N, C-alpha and C. Protein backbone atom coordinates (compact mmCIF):
# COMPACT_ATOMS: atom_id res chain seq x y z
N MET A 1 1.45 -22.87 -247.57
CA MET A 1 1.07 -24.08 -246.86
C MET A 1 0.63 -25.18 -247.84
N THR A 2 0.10 -24.78 -248.97
CA THR A 2 -0.33 -25.75 -249.97
C THR A 2 0.83 -26.62 -250.43
N LYS A 3 2.01 -26.01 -250.58
CA LYS A 3 3.20 -26.77 -250.99
C LYS A 3 3.53 -27.84 -249.96
N VAL A 4 3.38 -27.52 -248.68
CA VAL A 4 3.65 -28.48 -247.61
C VAL A 4 2.72 -29.68 -247.73
N TYR A 5 1.45 -29.41 -247.99
CA TYR A 5 0.50 -30.51 -248.13
C TYR A 5 0.77 -31.34 -249.39
N LEU A 6 1.23 -30.72 -250.45
CA LEU A 6 1.59 -31.47 -251.65
C LEU A 6 2.77 -32.39 -251.37
N ILE A 7 3.78 -31.87 -250.67
CA ILE A 7 4.93 -32.70 -250.30
C ILE A 7 4.50 -33.83 -249.37
N LEU A 8 3.62 -33.52 -248.41
CA LEU A 8 3.12 -34.56 -247.51
C LEU A 8 2.35 -35.62 -248.29
N PHE A 9 1.54 -35.21 -249.24
CA PHE A 9 0.78 -36.15 -250.08
C PHE A 9 1.72 -37.07 -250.85
N ILE A 10 2.74 -36.49 -251.47
CA ILE A 10 3.72 -37.29 -252.22
C ILE A 10 4.44 -38.26 -251.28
N SER A 11 4.77 -37.80 -250.10
CA SER A 11 5.45 -38.64 -249.11
C SER A 11 4.58 -39.82 -248.70
N VAL A 12 3.29 -39.56 -248.49
CA VAL A 12 2.36 -40.63 -248.10
C VAL A 12 2.23 -41.64 -249.24
N ILE A 13 2.10 -41.16 -250.47
CA ILE A 13 1.97 -42.07 -251.61
C ILE A 13 3.23 -42.92 -251.77
N ALA A 14 4.40 -42.29 -251.64
CA ALA A 14 5.66 -43.03 -251.76
C ALA A 14 5.79 -44.08 -250.66
N GLU A 15 5.41 -43.72 -249.43
CA GLU A 15 5.48 -44.65 -248.31
C GLU A 15 4.49 -45.79 -248.51
N THR A 16 3.31 -45.48 -249.00
CA THR A 16 2.29 -46.50 -249.25
C THR A 16 2.76 -47.49 -250.32
N LEU A 17 3.32 -46.96 -251.38
CA LEU A 17 3.84 -47.83 -252.45
C LEU A 17 4.98 -48.70 -251.92
N ALA A 18 5.90 -48.09 -251.18
CA ALA A 18 7.04 -48.84 -250.64
C ALA A 18 6.59 -49.96 -249.71
N THR A 19 5.67 -49.64 -248.82
CA THR A 19 5.20 -50.64 -247.86
C THR A 19 4.44 -51.75 -248.57
N THR A 20 3.62 -51.40 -249.54
CA THR A 20 2.87 -52.40 -250.29
C THR A 20 3.81 -53.31 -251.08
N MET A 21 4.89 -52.77 -251.60
CA MET A 21 5.85 -53.57 -252.39
C MET A 21 6.72 -54.45 -251.51
N MET A 22 6.73 -54.21 -250.21
CA MET A 22 7.54 -55.02 -249.31
C MET A 22 7.16 -56.49 -249.41
N LYS A 23 5.87 -56.77 -249.48
CA LYS A 23 5.42 -58.16 -249.62
C LYS A 23 5.89 -58.73 -250.96
N ALA A 24 5.76 -57.94 -252.02
CA ALA A 24 6.18 -58.41 -253.34
C ALA A 24 7.69 -58.62 -253.44
N SER A 25 8.46 -57.94 -252.59
CA SER A 25 9.92 -58.10 -252.63
C SER A 25 10.37 -59.46 -252.10
N GLU A 26 9.44 -60.14 -251.41
CA GLU A 26 9.74 -61.46 -250.83
C GLU A 26 11.05 -61.44 -250.04
N GLY A 27 11.07 -60.56 -249.04
CA GLY A 27 12.26 -60.47 -248.18
C GLY A 27 13.48 -59.94 -248.90
N PHE A 28 13.26 -59.00 -249.81
CA PHE A 28 14.33 -58.39 -250.61
C PHE A 28 15.07 -59.41 -251.49
N THR A 29 14.34 -60.42 -251.95
CA THR A 29 14.93 -61.40 -252.86
C THR A 29 14.55 -61.12 -254.31
N ARG A 30 13.62 -60.22 -254.55
CA ARG A 30 13.20 -59.84 -255.90
C ARG A 30 13.65 -58.40 -256.15
N THR A 31 14.38 -58.20 -257.21
CA THR A 31 15.07 -56.93 -257.46
C THR A 31 14.14 -55.74 -257.64
N VAL A 32 13.21 -55.80 -258.58
CA VAL A 32 12.38 -54.63 -258.88
C VAL A 32 11.53 -54.21 -257.68
N PRO A 33 10.78 -55.11 -257.05
CA PRO A 33 10.02 -54.68 -255.88
C PRO A 33 10.93 -54.16 -254.76
N SER A 34 12.10 -54.76 -254.59
CA SER A 34 13.04 -54.29 -253.56
C SER A 34 13.51 -52.88 -253.84
N LEU A 35 13.80 -52.57 -255.11
CA LEU A 35 14.20 -51.21 -255.47
C LEU A 35 13.07 -50.22 -255.25
N ILE A 36 11.83 -50.63 -255.54
CA ILE A 36 10.68 -49.75 -255.29
C ILE A 36 10.55 -49.46 -253.80
N VAL A 37 10.78 -50.46 -252.96
CA VAL A 37 10.74 -50.26 -251.51
C VAL A 37 11.79 -49.22 -251.10
N ILE A 38 13.01 -49.39 -251.54
CA ILE A 38 14.11 -48.49 -251.14
C ILE A 38 13.88 -47.07 -251.65
N VAL A 39 13.55 -46.93 -252.92
CA VAL A 39 13.33 -45.60 -253.50
C VAL A 39 12.09 -44.95 -252.88
N GLY A 40 11.03 -45.74 -252.69
CA GLY A 40 9.80 -45.20 -252.10
C GLY A 40 10.03 -44.66 -250.71
N TYR A 41 10.75 -45.41 -249.88
CA TYR A 41 11.04 -44.93 -248.53
C TYR A 41 11.97 -43.72 -248.55
N ALA A 42 12.93 -43.70 -249.45
CA ALA A 42 13.83 -42.54 -249.55
C ALA A 42 13.04 -41.29 -249.89
N ILE A 43 12.16 -41.38 -250.87
CA ILE A 43 11.33 -40.23 -251.25
C ILE A 43 10.43 -39.83 -250.08
N SER A 44 9.83 -40.82 -249.46
CA SER A 44 8.90 -40.55 -248.38
C SER A 44 9.56 -39.86 -247.19
N PHE A 45 10.69 -40.39 -246.74
CA PHE A 45 11.35 -39.79 -245.59
C PHE A 45 11.95 -38.43 -245.92
N TYR A 46 12.45 -38.26 -247.13
CA TYR A 46 12.95 -36.94 -247.52
C TYR A 46 11.79 -35.93 -247.51
N GLY A 47 10.67 -36.31 -248.09
CA GLY A 47 9.51 -35.42 -248.10
C GLY A 47 9.05 -35.09 -246.70
N LEU A 48 8.96 -36.11 -245.84
CA LEU A 48 8.54 -35.86 -244.46
C LEU A 48 9.52 -34.93 -243.75
N SER A 49 10.80 -35.06 -244.04
CA SER A 49 11.80 -34.16 -243.42
C SER A 49 11.60 -32.71 -243.87
N GLN A 50 11.07 -32.52 -245.07
CA GLN A 50 10.78 -31.17 -245.54
C GLN A 50 9.50 -30.63 -244.91
N VAL A 51 8.52 -31.50 -244.75
CA VAL A 51 7.24 -31.10 -244.16
C VAL A 51 7.41 -30.61 -242.72
N VAL A 52 8.24 -31.29 -241.95
CA VAL A 52 8.38 -30.92 -240.53
C VAL A 52 9.10 -29.59 -240.33
N LYS A 53 9.63 -29.01 -241.40
CA LYS A 53 10.19 -27.66 -241.30
C LYS A 53 9.07 -26.64 -241.07
N ALA A 54 7.88 -26.93 -241.58
CA ALA A 54 6.77 -25.98 -241.51
C ALA A 54 5.60 -26.49 -240.68
N MET A 55 5.60 -27.77 -240.36
CA MET A 55 4.46 -28.36 -239.65
C MET A 55 4.94 -29.01 -238.37
N ASN A 56 4.12 -28.95 -237.35
CA ASN A 56 4.40 -29.62 -236.08
C ASN A 56 4.78 -31.07 -236.36
N VAL A 57 5.92 -31.53 -235.85
CA VAL A 57 6.44 -32.85 -236.19
C VAL A 57 5.48 -33.97 -235.77
N GLY A 58 4.85 -33.84 -234.62
CA GLY A 58 3.91 -34.86 -234.17
C GLY A 58 2.69 -34.94 -235.06
N ILE A 59 2.18 -33.80 -235.46
CA ILE A 59 1.01 -33.76 -236.34
C ILE A 59 1.39 -34.28 -237.73
N ALA A 60 2.53 -33.84 -238.24
CA ALA A 60 2.98 -34.31 -239.56
C ALA A 60 3.12 -35.82 -239.57
N TYR A 61 3.72 -36.36 -238.52
CA TYR A 61 3.91 -37.81 -238.44
C TYR A 61 2.57 -38.53 -238.31
N ALA A 62 1.66 -37.97 -237.52
CA ALA A 62 0.34 -38.59 -237.36
C ALA A 62 -0.40 -38.63 -238.70
N LEU A 63 -0.34 -37.55 -239.46
CA LEU A 63 -1.00 -37.51 -240.77
C LEU A 63 -0.34 -38.49 -241.74
N TRP A 64 0.99 -38.50 -241.74
CA TRP A 64 1.76 -39.37 -242.64
C TRP A 64 1.50 -40.84 -242.30
N ALA A 65 1.68 -41.19 -241.04
CA ALA A 65 1.53 -42.58 -240.62
C ALA A 65 0.08 -43.05 -240.72
N GLY A 66 -0.84 -42.22 -240.25
CA GLY A 66 -2.25 -42.60 -240.29
C GLY A 66 -2.75 -42.80 -241.70
N SER A 67 -2.41 -41.87 -242.57
CA SER A 67 -2.81 -41.99 -243.98
C SER A 67 -2.18 -43.22 -244.61
N GLY A 68 -0.91 -43.46 -244.30
CA GLY A 68 -0.22 -44.64 -244.83
C GLY A 68 -0.86 -45.93 -244.36
N ILE A 69 -1.19 -46.02 -243.09
CA ILE A 69 -1.83 -47.22 -242.55
C ILE A 69 -3.15 -47.47 -243.27
N PHE A 70 -3.94 -46.42 -243.42
CA PHE A 70 -5.24 -46.55 -244.07
C PHE A 70 -5.08 -47.02 -245.52
N LEU A 71 -4.17 -46.37 -246.26
CA LEU A 71 -3.99 -46.72 -247.67
C LEU A 71 -3.35 -48.10 -247.88
N VAL A 72 -2.37 -48.44 -247.06
CA VAL A 72 -1.74 -49.77 -247.18
C VAL A 72 -2.77 -50.86 -246.87
N SER A 73 -3.61 -50.64 -245.89
CA SER A 73 -4.65 -51.62 -245.57
C SER A 73 -5.61 -51.81 -246.74
N ALA A 74 -6.01 -50.70 -247.36
CA ALA A 74 -6.90 -50.78 -248.52
C ALA A 74 -6.21 -51.49 -249.69
N LEU A 75 -4.96 -51.13 -249.96
CA LEU A 75 -4.24 -51.77 -251.06
C LEU A 75 -4.01 -53.25 -250.81
N SER A 76 -3.70 -53.62 -249.57
CA SER A 76 -3.48 -55.04 -249.28
C SER A 76 -4.76 -55.84 -249.49
N TYR A 77 -5.89 -55.21 -249.26
CA TYR A 77 -7.18 -55.86 -249.50
C TYR A 77 -7.37 -56.11 -251.00
N PHE A 78 -7.09 -55.08 -251.81
CA PHE A 78 -7.33 -55.20 -253.25
C PHE A 78 -6.20 -55.91 -254.00
N VAL A 79 -4.95 -55.64 -253.65
CA VAL A 79 -3.81 -56.20 -254.38
C VAL A 79 -3.50 -57.63 -253.95
N TYR A 80 -3.50 -57.87 -252.64
CA TYR A 80 -3.10 -59.17 -252.12
C TYR A 80 -4.28 -60.00 -251.59
N GLN A 81 -5.49 -59.48 -251.75
CA GLN A 81 -6.71 -60.13 -251.27
C GLN A 81 -6.62 -60.49 -249.78
N GLN A 82 -5.98 -59.63 -249.01
CA GLN A 82 -5.89 -59.84 -247.57
C GLN A 82 -7.15 -59.26 -246.92
N LYS A 83 -7.84 -60.09 -246.19
CA LYS A 83 -9.13 -59.70 -245.61
C LYS A 83 -8.95 -58.87 -244.34
N LEU A 84 -9.91 -58.01 -244.10
CA LEU A 84 -9.94 -57.20 -242.89
C LEU A 84 -11.15 -57.62 -242.07
N ASP A 85 -10.96 -57.89 -240.79
CA ASP A 85 -12.09 -58.24 -239.94
C ASP A 85 -12.72 -56.96 -239.37
N LEU A 86 -13.82 -57.12 -238.66
CA LEU A 86 -14.55 -55.97 -238.14
C LEU A 86 -13.70 -55.08 -237.23
N PRO A 87 -12.96 -55.65 -236.26
CA PRO A 87 -12.13 -54.77 -235.42
C PRO A 87 -11.10 -53.96 -236.23
N SER A 88 -10.51 -54.57 -237.26
CA SER A 88 -9.53 -53.81 -238.05
C SER A 88 -10.22 -52.72 -238.86
N MET A 89 -11.42 -52.98 -239.36
CA MET A 89 -12.15 -51.94 -240.10
C MET A 89 -12.57 -50.80 -239.18
N ILE A 90 -12.98 -51.13 -237.96
CA ILE A 90 -13.33 -50.09 -236.98
C ILE A 90 -12.10 -49.25 -236.68
N GLY A 91 -10.96 -49.90 -236.48
CA GLY A 91 -9.72 -49.18 -236.23
C GLY A 91 -9.35 -48.25 -237.37
N LEU A 92 -9.52 -48.72 -238.60
CA LEU A 92 -9.22 -47.88 -239.77
C LEU A 92 -10.16 -46.68 -239.86
N VAL A 93 -11.42 -46.90 -239.52
CA VAL A 93 -12.37 -45.77 -239.50
C VAL A 93 -11.94 -44.75 -238.44
N LEU A 94 -11.51 -45.24 -237.28
CA LEU A 94 -11.05 -44.33 -236.22
C LEU A 94 -9.81 -43.55 -236.65
N ILE A 95 -8.91 -44.19 -237.38
CA ILE A 95 -7.73 -43.50 -237.91
C ILE A 95 -8.18 -42.40 -238.87
N ALA A 96 -9.11 -42.73 -239.77
CA ALA A 96 -9.62 -41.74 -240.72
C ALA A 96 -10.28 -40.58 -239.99
N VAL A 97 -11.06 -40.87 -238.97
CA VAL A 97 -11.71 -39.81 -238.18
C VAL A 97 -10.64 -38.95 -237.50
N GLY A 98 -9.59 -39.57 -237.01
CA GLY A 98 -8.50 -38.81 -236.39
C GLY A 98 -7.82 -37.88 -237.37
N ILE A 99 -7.55 -38.37 -238.57
CA ILE A 99 -6.92 -37.54 -239.60
C ILE A 99 -7.82 -36.36 -239.97
N ILE A 100 -9.10 -36.64 -240.16
CA ILE A 100 -10.06 -35.58 -240.50
C ILE A 100 -10.17 -34.57 -239.37
N THR A 101 -10.22 -35.04 -238.13
CA THR A 101 -10.31 -34.16 -236.97
C THR A 101 -9.11 -33.22 -236.89
N ILE A 102 -7.92 -33.77 -237.09
CA ILE A 102 -6.71 -32.94 -237.08
C ILE A 102 -6.80 -31.87 -238.16
N GLN A 103 -7.17 -32.27 -239.36
CA GLN A 103 -7.23 -31.33 -240.49
C GLN A 103 -8.27 -30.22 -240.27
N LEU A 104 -9.41 -30.59 -239.71
CA LEU A 104 -10.49 -29.61 -239.59
C LEU A 104 -10.37 -28.72 -238.35
N PHE A 105 -9.85 -29.26 -237.26
CA PHE A 105 -9.96 -28.54 -236.00
C PHE A 105 -8.64 -28.18 -235.31
N SER A 106 -7.55 -28.83 -235.64
CA SER A 106 -6.31 -28.57 -234.93
C SER A 106 -5.70 -27.23 -235.34
N LYS A 107 -5.28 -26.49 -234.34
CA LYS A 107 -4.57 -25.24 -234.59
C LYS A 107 -3.06 -25.44 -234.47
N SER A 108 -2.64 -26.67 -234.19
CA SER A 108 -1.21 -26.95 -234.02
C SER A 108 -0.59 -27.61 -235.26
N VAL A 109 -1.27 -27.53 -236.39
CA VAL A 109 -0.75 -28.17 -237.60
C VAL A 109 0.51 -27.46 -238.06
N VAL A 110 0.52 -26.16 -238.07
CA VAL A 110 1.71 -25.41 -238.51
C VAL A 110 2.31 -24.67 -237.32
N HIS A 111 3.61 -24.39 -237.43
CA HIS A 111 4.26 -23.61 -236.38
C HIS A 111 4.98 -22.43 -236.98
């Protein structure tokens, strides 16, 4: 199961990098950021496709998407100086609580 979590971690990081670079690609008009977006998503989706072989697809997607949302929001704050208001911060905390709850208490993570 540890291997599955490693693949999921790599998939989340690749997706986070790809999504963060989307702004830098300026609508796919800049080559290097555009290539990072394409390669990042390819790695991410391939990894997620491997994870769902051993993990409930809904749970895997929730962990992947939730973690990605949280990390992209944090990176956009630091990299692009995009501000987060109170409702968005509360939402991000709720996403983090959801991810932690799934990890600690769900028995449907693996099948």
